[in-house]
Each structure stands twice: as C-alpha cells, then as structure tokens.
Amino acid sequence: MFLCSNIKTKNMAIAIKSIPVLHGKEAEAFVKKADAAFQNKQESNQTQKRFESLNRILKKANMK
C-alpha cells in the first residue's frame, strides 16, 4: 500500500544522529558550571520568596 500513487518506494524515518558526549576535563567543567548555575537559581528563588514575605509584612503594617 502506497500513500501516493506516484511514489513507489516505502521510506523509513530519517536516520537518528548521534548525540555528542563530553568526556574528561570538559565533562567535569560542564558539571561544575551546571551545579553552580543550579545552586545560584535556588538561592535566587529563596531570595525572591523572602522579599515577597517582607513585602506582605510591610503592606500589613501600612509601610508600603
């Protein structure tokens, strides 16, 4: 069974390209940078929550 009458071959999906993989020092450097970025993001979220809490307190005290 062909989907188009003028195409007489059945083609499979395109080939999957290999995924590049880091090795050695490059991999270690990448992991260190990723961990640092993740830690920085967590600290940023905690700081944001603290400011939101502080702003709620200031609004209740009519200071903001």
PDB file of N, CA and C in Angstrom:
ATOM      1  N   MET A   1       0.851  -1.182   0.000  1.00  0.00           N
ATOM      2  CA  MET A   1       0.000   0.000   0.000  1.00  0.00           C
ATOM      3  C   MET A   1       0.894   1.242   0.000  1.00  0.00           C
ATOM      4  N   PHE A   2       0.653   2.139  -0.929  1.00  0.00           N
ATOM      5  CA  PHE A   2       1.412   3.372  -1.032  1.00  0.00           C
ATOM      6  C   PHE A   2       0.486   4.548  -0.758  1.00  0.00           C
ATOM      7  N   LEU A   3       1.032   5.540  -0.057  1.00  0.00           N
ATOM      8  CA  LEU A   3       0.218   6.716   0.240  1.00  0.00           C
ATOM      9  C   LEU A   3       0.008   7.575  -1.000  1.00  0.00           C
ATOM     10  N   CYS A   4       1.030   7.687  -1.812  1.00  0.00           N
ATOM     11  CA  CYS A   4       0.922   8.440  -3.061  1.00  0.00           C
ATOM     12  C   CYS A   4       1.121   7.473  -4.214  1.00  0.00           C
ATOM     13  N   SER A   5       0.305   7.569  -5.200  1.00  0.00           N
ATOM     14  CA  SER A   5       0.387   6.618  -6.310  1.00  0.00           C
ATOM     15  C   SER A   5       1.650   6.807  -7.140  1.00  0.00           C
ATOM     16  N   ASN A   6       2.228   8.011  -7.143  1.00  0.00           N
ATOM     17  CA  ASN A   6       3.417   8.250  -7.955  1.00  0.00           C
ATOM     18  C   ASN A   6       4.717   7.919  -7.208  1.00  0.00           C
ATOM     19  N   ILE A   7       4.662   7.629  -5.934  1.00  0.00           N
ATOM     20  CA  ILE A   7       5.842   7.229  -5.171  1.00  0.00           C
ATOM     21  C   ILE A   7       5.771   5.721  -4.988  1.00  0.00           C
ATOM     22  N   LYS A   8       6.768   5.025  -5.490  1.00  0.00           N
ATOM     23  CA  LYS A   8       6.729   3.566  -5.486  1.00  0.00           C
ATOM     24  C   LYS A   8       7.639   2.940  -4.421  1.00  0.00           C
ATOM     25  N   THR A   9       8.230   3.736  -3.552  1.00  0.00           N
ATOM     26  CA  THR A   9       9.100   3.177  -2.512  1.00  0.00           C
ATOM     27  C   THR A   9       8.566   3.557  -1.145  1.00  0.00           C
ATOM     28  N   LYS A  10       8.816   2.698  -0.205  1.00  0.00           N
ATOM     29  CA  LYS A  10       8.453   2.992   1.180  1.00  0.00           C
ATOM     30  C   LYS A  10       9.719   3.429   1.906  1.00  0.00           C
ATOM     31  N   ASN A  11       9.739   4.642   2.386  1.00  0.00           N
ATOM     32  CA  ASN A  11      10.899   5.152   3.108  1.00  0.00           C
ATOM     33  C   ASN A  11      10.646   5.075   4.603  1.00  0.00           C
ATOM     34  N   MET A  12      11.656   4.662   5.303  1.00  0.00           N
ATOM     35  CA  MET A  12      11.580   4.646   6.759  1.00  0.00           C
ATOM     36  C   MET A  12      11.890   6.052   7.262  1.00  0.00           C
ATOM     37  N   ALA A  13      11.804   6.236   8.549  1.00  0.00           N
ATOM     38  CA  ALA A  13      12.112   7.533   9.152  1.00  0.00           C
ATOM     39  C   ALA A  13      13.575   7.878   8.897  1.00  0.00           C
ATOM     40  N   ILE A  14      13.870   9.159   8.981  1.00  0.00           N
ATOM     41  CA  ILE A  14      15.255   9.582   8.761  1.00  0.00           C
ATOM     42  C   ILE A  14      16.155   9.017   9.859  1.00  0.00           C
ATOM     43  N   ALA A  15      17.406   8.876   9.541  1.00  0.00           N
ATOM     44  CA  ALA A  15      18.362   8.308  10.497  1.00  0.00           C
ATOM     45  C   ALA A  15      18.540   9.243  11.688  1.00  0.00           C
ATOM     46  N   ILE A  16      18.690   8.670  12.854  1.00  0.00           N
ATOM     47  CA  ILE A  16      18.910   9.450  14.070  1.00  0.00           C
ATOM     48  C   ILE A  16      20.395   9.742  14.190  1.00  0.00           C
ATOM     49  N   LYS A  17      20.720  11.008  14.374  1.00  0.00           N
ATOM     50  CA  LYS A  17      22.124  11.394  14.511  1.00  0.00           C
ATOM     51  C   LYS A  17      22.598  11.079  15.923  1.00  0.00           C
ATOM     52  N   SER A  18      23.865  10.808  16.027  1.00  0.00           N
ATOM     53  CA  SER A  18      24.410  10.503  17.349  1.00  0.00           C
ATOM     54  C   SER A  18      24.446  11.772  18.198  1.00  0.00           C
ATOM     55  N   ILE A  19      24.313  11.589  19.481  1.00  0.00           N
ATOM     56  CA  ILE A  19      24.323  12.700  20.430  1.00  0.00           C
ATOM     57  C   ILE A  19      25.757  12.915  20.900  1.00  0.00           C
ATOM     58  N   PRO A  20      26.259  14.144  20.801  1.00  0.00           N
ATOM     59  CA  PRO A  20      27.628  14.385  21.265  1.00  0.00           C
ATOM     60  C   PRO A  20      27.728  14.191  22.778  1.00  0.00           C
ATOM     61  N   VAL A  21      28.824  13.613  23.212  1.00  0.00           N
ATOM     62  CA  VAL A  21      29.028  13.319  24.625  1.00  0.00           C
ATOM     63  C   VAL A  21      30.353  13.934  25.061  1.00  0.00           C
ATOM     64  N   LEU A  22      30.337  14.597  26.208  1.00  0.00           N
ATOM     65  CA  LEU A  22      31.565  15.170  26.754  1.00  0.00           C
ATOM     66  C   LEU A  22      32.322  14.119  27.542  1.00  0.00           C
ATOM     67  N   HIS A  23      33.642  14.204  27.485  1.00  0.00           N
ATOM     68  CA  HIS A  23      34.495  13.275  28.219  1.00  0.00           C
ATOM     69  C   HIS A  23      35.583  14.062  28.941  1.00  0.00           C
ATOM     70  N   GLY A  24      36.090  13.500  30.012  1.00  0.00           N
ATOM     71  CA  GLY A  24      37.269  14.037  30.680  1.00  0.00           C
ATOM     72  C   GLY A  24      37.044  15.386  31.330  1.00  0.00           C
ATOM     73  N   LYS A  25      38.030  16.261  31.135  1.00  0.00           N
ATOM     74  CA  LYS A  25      38.013  17.575  31.791  1.00  0.00           C
ATOM     75  C   LYS A  25      36.844  18.433  31.319  1.00  0.00           C
ATOM     76  N   GLU A  26      36.488  18.299  30.050  1.00  0.00           N
ATOM     77  CA  GLU A  26      35.359  19.078  29.532  1.00  0.00           C
ATOM     78  C   GLU A  26      34.070  18.692  30.250  1.00  0.00           C
ATOM     79  N   ALA A  27      33.887  17.402  30.492  1.00  0.00           N
ATOM     80  CA  ALA A  27      32.689  16.933  31.194  1.00  0.00           C
ATOM     81  C   ALA A  27      32.677  17.431  32.632  1.00  0.00           C
ATOM     82  N   GLU A  28      33.828  17.375  33.296  1.00  0.00           N
ATOM     83  CA  GLU A  28      33.913  17.849  34.680  1.00  0.00           C
ATOM     84  C   GLU A  28      33.616  19.341  34.764  1.00  0.00           C
ATOM     85  N   ALA A  29      34.167  20.120  33.829  1.00  0.00           N
ATOM     86  CA  ALA A  29      33.925  21.563  33.822  1.00  0.00           C
ATOM     87  C   ALA A  29      32.447  21.856  33.586  1.00  0.00           C
ATOM     88  N   PHE A  30      31.823  21.112  32.681  1.00  0.00           N
ATOM     89  CA  PHE A  30      30.402  21.308  32.403  1.00  0.00           C
ATOM     90  C   PHE A  30      29.562  21.023  33.639  1.00  0.00           C
ATOM     91  N   VAL A  31      29.852  19.928  34.327  1.00  0.00           N
ATOM     92  CA  VAL A  31      29.089  19.558  35.523  1.00  0.00           C
ATOM     93  C   VAL A  31      29.263  20.612  36.608  1.00  0.00           C
ATOM     94  N   LYS A  32      30.470  21.117  36.795  1.00  0.00           N
ATOM     95  CA  LYS A  32      30.706  22.156  37.806  1.00  0.00           C
ATOM     96  C   LYS A  32      29.903  23.418  37.487  1.00  0.00           C
ATOM     97  N   LYS A  33      29.914  23.823  36.222  1.00  0.00           N
ATOM     98  CA  LYS A  33      29.164  25.022  35.828  1.00  0.00           C
ATOM     99  C   LYS A  33      27.659  24.808  35.976  1.00  0.00           C
ATOM    100  N   ALA A  34      27.186  23.625  35.625  1.00  0.00           N
ATOM    101  CA  ALA A  34      25.759  23.328  35.753  1.00  0.00           C
ATOM    102  C   ALA A  34      25.341  23.322  37.219  1.00  0.00           C
ATOM    103  N   ASP A  35      26.164  22.724  38.084  1.00  0.00           N
ATOM    104  CA  ASP A  35      25.859  22.710  39.516  1.00  0.00           C
ATOM    105  C   ASP A  35      25.851  24.119  40.095  1.00  0.00           C
ATOM    106  N   ALA A  36      26.812  24.948  39.682  1.00  0.00           N
ATOM    107  CA  ALA A  36      26.869  26.325  40.169  1.00  0.00           C
ATOM    108  C   ALA A  36      25.642  27.112  39.712  1.00  0.00           C
ATOM    109  N   ALA A  37      25.234  26.917  38.474  1.00  0.00           N
ATOM    110  CA  ALA A  37      24.051  27.617  37.962  1.00  0.00           C
ATOM    111  C   ALA A  37      22.803  27.167  38.704  1.00  0.00           C
ATOM    112  N   PHE A  38      22.694  25.871  38.985  1.00  0.00           N
ATOM    113  CA  PHE A  38      21.542  25.346  39.713  1.00  0.00           C
ATOM    114  C   PHE A  38      21.500  25.909  41.126  1.00  0.00           C
ATOM    115  N   GLN A  39      22.643  25.945  41.797  1.00  0.00           N
ATOM    116  CA  GLN A  39      22.712  26.481  43.155  1.00  0.00           C
ATOM    117  C   GLN A  39      22.339  27.962  43.163  1.00  0.00           C
ATOM    118  N   ASN A  40      22.833  28.704  42.176  1.00  0.00           N
ATOM    119  CA  ASN A  40      22.529  30.129  42.075  1.00  0.00           C
ATOM    120  C   ASN A  40      21.038  30.337  41.855  1.00  0.00           C
ATOM    121  N   LYS A  41      20.412  29.486  41.055  1.00  0.00           N
ATOM    122  CA  LYS A  41      18.973  29.593  40.794  1.00  0.00           C
ATOM    123  C   LYS A  41      18.181  29.330  42.067  1.00  0.00           C
ATOM    124  N   GLN A  42      18.603  28.328  42.851  1.00  0.00           N
ATOM    125  CA  GLN A  42      17.910  28.026  44.103  1.00  0.00           C
ATOM    126  C   GLN A  42      18.025  29.199  45.070  1.00  0.00           C
ATOM    127  N   GLU A  43      19.212  29.782  45.177  1.00  0.00           N
ATOM    128  CA  GLU A  43      19.400  30.930  46.063  1.00  0.00           C
ATOM    129  C   GLU A  43      18.559  32.104  45.599  1.00  0.00           C
ATOM    130  N   SER A  44      18.463  32.292  44.292  1.00  0.00           N
ATOM    131  CA  SER A  44      17.657  33.371  43.739  1.00  0.00           C
ATOM    132  C   SER A  44      16.185  33.176  44.093  1.00  0.00           C
ATOM    133  N   ASN A  45      15.695  31.940  44.002  1.00  0.00           N
ATOM    134  CA  ASN A  45      14.305  31.653  44.350  1.00  0.00           C
ATOM    135  C   ASN A  45      14.055  31.900  45.830  1.00  0.00           C
ATOM    136  N   GLN A  46      14.999  31.524  46.687  1.00  0.00           N
ATOM    137  CA  GLN A  46      14.845  31.741  48.120  1.00  0.00           C
ATOM    138  C   GLN A  46      14.826  33.227  48.431  1.00  0.00           C
ATOM    139  N   THR A  47      15.692  33.986  47.780  1.00  0.00           N
ATOM    140  CA  THR A  47      15.726  35.432  47.986  1.00  0.00           C
ATOM    141  C   THR A  47      14.408  36.053  47.545  1.00  0.00           C
ATOM    142  N   GLN A  48      13.877  35.618  46.414  1.00  0.00           N
ATOM    143  CA  GLN A  48      12.602  36.133  45.916  1.00  0.00           C
ATOM    144  C   GLN A  48      11.484  35.863  46.914  1.00  0.00           C
ATOM    145  N   LYS A  49      11.452  34.666  47.486  1.00  0.00           N
ATOM    146  CA  LYS A  49      10.417  34.330  48.464  1.00  0.00           C
ATOM    147  C   LYS A  49      10.547  35.202  49.707  1.00  0.00           C
ATOM    148  N   ARG A  50      11.773  35.474  50.127  1.00  0.00           N
ATOM    149  CA  ARG A  50      11.981  36.335  51.302  1.00  0.00           C
ATOM    150  C   ARG A  50      11.480  37.747  51.039  1.00  0.00           C
ATOM    151  N   PHE A  51      11.756  38.281  49.831  1.00  0.00           N
ATOM    152  CA  PHE A  51      11.285  39.622  49.503  1.00  0.00           C
ATOM    153  C   PHE A  51       9.765  39.669  49.425  1.00  0.00           C
ATOM    154  N   GLU A  52       9.152  38.621  48.892  1.00  0.00           N
ATOM    155  CA  GLU A  52       7.690  38.584  48.838  1.00  0.00           C
ATOM    156  C   GLU A  52       7.108  38.572  50.242  1.00  0.00           C
ATOM    157  N   SER A  53       7.714  37.814  51.134  1.00  0.00           N
ATOM    158  CA  SER A  53       7.259  37.763  52.521  1.00  0.00           C
ATOM    159  C   SER A  53       7.430  39.123  53.184  1.00  0.00           C
ATOM    160  N   LEU A  54       8.574  39.745  52.966  1.00  0.00           N
ATOM    161  CA  LEU A  54       8.833  41.069  53.538  1.00  0.00           C
ATOM    162  C   LEU A  54       7.825  42.087  53.017  1.00  0.00           C
ATOM    163  N   ASN A  55       7.521  42.039  51.734  1.00  0.00           N
ATOM    164  CA  ASN A  55       6.552  42.977  51.161  1.00  0.00           C
ATOM    165  C   ASN A  55       5.162  42.784  51.755  1.00  0.00           C
ATOM    166  N   ARG A  56       4.751  41.533  51.999  1.00  0.00           N
ATOM    167  CA  ARG A  56       3.450  41.289  52.637  1.00  0.00           C
ATOM    168  C   ARG A  56       3.423  41.885  54.046  1.00  0.00           C
ATOM    169  N   ILE A  57       4.506  41.720  54.785  1.00  0.00           N
ATOM    170  CA  ILE A  57       4.576  42.269  56.144  1.00  0.00           C
ATOM    171  C   ILE A  57       4.487  43.788  56.100  1.00  0.00           C
ATOM    172  N   LEU A  58       5.219  44.402  55.175  1.00  0.00           N
ATOM    173  CA  LEU A  58       5.202  45.861  55.071  1.00  0.00           C
ATOM    174  C   LEU A  58       3.825  46.378  54.661  1.00  0.00           C
ATOM    175  N   LYS A  59       3.128  45.666  53.797  1.00  0.00           N
ATOM    176  CA  LYS A  59       1.784  46.087  53.402  1.00  0.00           C
ATOM    177  C   LYS A  59       0.819  46.012  54.579  1.00  0.00           C
ATOM    178  N   LYS A  60       0.927  44.938  55.379  1.00  0.00           N
ATOM    179  CA  LYS A  60       0.056  44.813  56.548  1.00  0.00           C
ATOM    180  C   LYS A  60       0.317  45.922  57.551  1.00  0.00           C
ATOM    181  N   ALA A  61       1.561  46.374  57.634  1.00  0.00           N
ATOM    182  CA  ALA A  61       1.918  47.438  58.571  1.00  0.00           C
ATOM    183  C   ALA A  61       1.697  48.816  57.955  1.00  0.00           C
ATOM    184  N   ASN A  62       1.134  48.864  56.757  1.00  0.00           N
ATOM    185  CA  ASN A  62       0.899  50.123  56.031  1.00  0.00           C
ATOM    186  C   ASN A  62       2.182  50.923  55.864  1.00  0.00           C
ATOM    187  N   MET A  63       3.268  50.236  55.650  1.00  0.00           N
ATOM    188  CA  MET A  63       4.553  50.900  55.439  1.00  0.00           C
ATOM    189  C   MET A  63       4.966  50.849  53.971  1.00  0.00           C
ATOM    190  N   LYS A  64       4.127  50.241  53.162  1.00  0.00           N
ATOM    191  CA  LYS A  64       4.456  50.186  51.741  1.00  0.00           C
ATOM    192  C   LYS A  64       3.213  50.419  50.930  1.00  0.00           C
TER     193      LYS A  64
END
